Protein backbone atom coordinates (compact mmCIF):
# COMPACT_ATOMS: atom_id res chain seq x y z
CA MET A 1 76.15 114.57 85.80
CA ASN A 2 76.17 110.58 86.64
CA SER A 3 73.14 109.90 84.73
CA GLN A 4 72.05 108.25 81.42
CA LEU A 5 69.73 109.73 78.83
CA ILE A 6 67.07 106.96 78.48
CA ASN A 7 64.15 109.03 76.26
CA GLY A 8 64.15 112.25 74.24
CA LYS A 9 67.38 114.39 73.67
CA PRO A 10 69.87 116.27 75.66
CA PHE A 11 69.07 120.02 76.21
CA ASP A 12 70.13 122.54 73.93
CA PRO A 13 71.17 125.59 76.05
CA SER A 14 70.41 127.85 72.88
CA ILE A 15 66.87 126.70 72.51
CA ARG A 16 64.05 128.97 73.94
CA PRO A 17 61.75 128.37 76.14
CA VAL A 18 64.67 126.90 78.22
CA GLU A 19 64.53 122.71 78.27
CA ALA A 20 65.14 120.35 81.21
CA LEU A 21 65.95 116.94 81.80
CA VAL A 22 64.23 115.05 84.75
CA ASP A 23 64.68 111.87 86.31
CA ALA A 24 62.84 109.00 84.75
CA ASP A 25 61.35 107.97 88.02
CA PHE A 26 60.05 111.33 88.76
CA ALA A 27 58.49 111.87 85.35
CA ALA A 28 56.70 108.29 85.46
CA LYS A 29 55.22 109.08 89.21
CA ASN A 30 53.95 112.72 87.76
CA LYS A 31 52.95 111.35 84.57
CA LEU A 32 55.09 113.64 82.72
CA LYS A 33 56.76 112.81 79.15
CA VAL A 34 59.00 114.66 76.61
CA GLY A 35 57.49 117.76 75.52
CA ASP A 36 55.64 118.53 78.62
CA HIS A 37 56.62 121.40 80.89
CA VAL A 38 57.67 121.16 84.55
CA GLU A 39 57.67 124.37 86.75
CA LEU A 40 60.58 125.13 89.02
CA GLN A 41 60.59 128.23 91.24
CA GLY A 42 57.74 129.83 89.32
CA GLN A 43 59.69 129.22 85.92
CA SER A 44 58.43 126.65 83.33
CA TYR A 45 60.70 124.47 81.41
CA ARG A 46 60.01 121.92 78.48
CA ILE A 47 61.08 118.38 79.14
CA SER A 48 63.54 117.49 76.23
CA GLY A 49 64.39 114.05 78.06
CA THR A 50 64.25 111.74 80.76
CA VAL A 51 67.65 110.22 82.35
CA ASP A 52 68.06 107.48 84.80
CA THR A 53 69.81 108.14 88.03
CA PRO A 54 71.55 106.11 90.46
CA LYS A 55 68.74 105.15 93.14
CA SER A 56 69.70 105.20 96.91
CA GLY A 57 67.11 102.60 98.44
CA ASN A 58 63.76 103.25 98.43
CA ILE A 59 64.34 107.06 97.86
CA MET A 60 62.58 108.48 94.70
CA ARG A 61 65.01 111.01 92.86
CA ALA A 62 63.59 114.18 91.81
CA ASP A 63 66.71 115.39 89.77
CA THR A 64 66.18 118.22 87.24
CA TYR A 65 68.92 119.23 84.80
CA LEU A 66 69.01 122.74 83.18
CA PRO A 67 71.65 124.65 81.37
CA LEU A 68 74.34 125.90 83.68
CA ALA A 69 73.35 129.80 82.64
CA GLU A 70 69.66 129.08 83.60
CA ALA A 71 70.53 127.45 86.85
CA GLN A 72 72.89 130.20 88.02
CA PRO A 73 71.23 133.14 90.06
């Protein structure tokens, strides 16, 4: 992960409900903060932290990081 945690804490794969890290710009644009929930493919994840990811021009990142076991089909 080429990102830096800037708020909150890293997710703990053993915690339920599953936690996620989200890009700080995405969180700000969507008025999300640590402790809020984000929905991905019908699943709700608690935001444990926000990360600063490398930017490319004016493209807003929407990176979301999950524990590997949760992300795999």
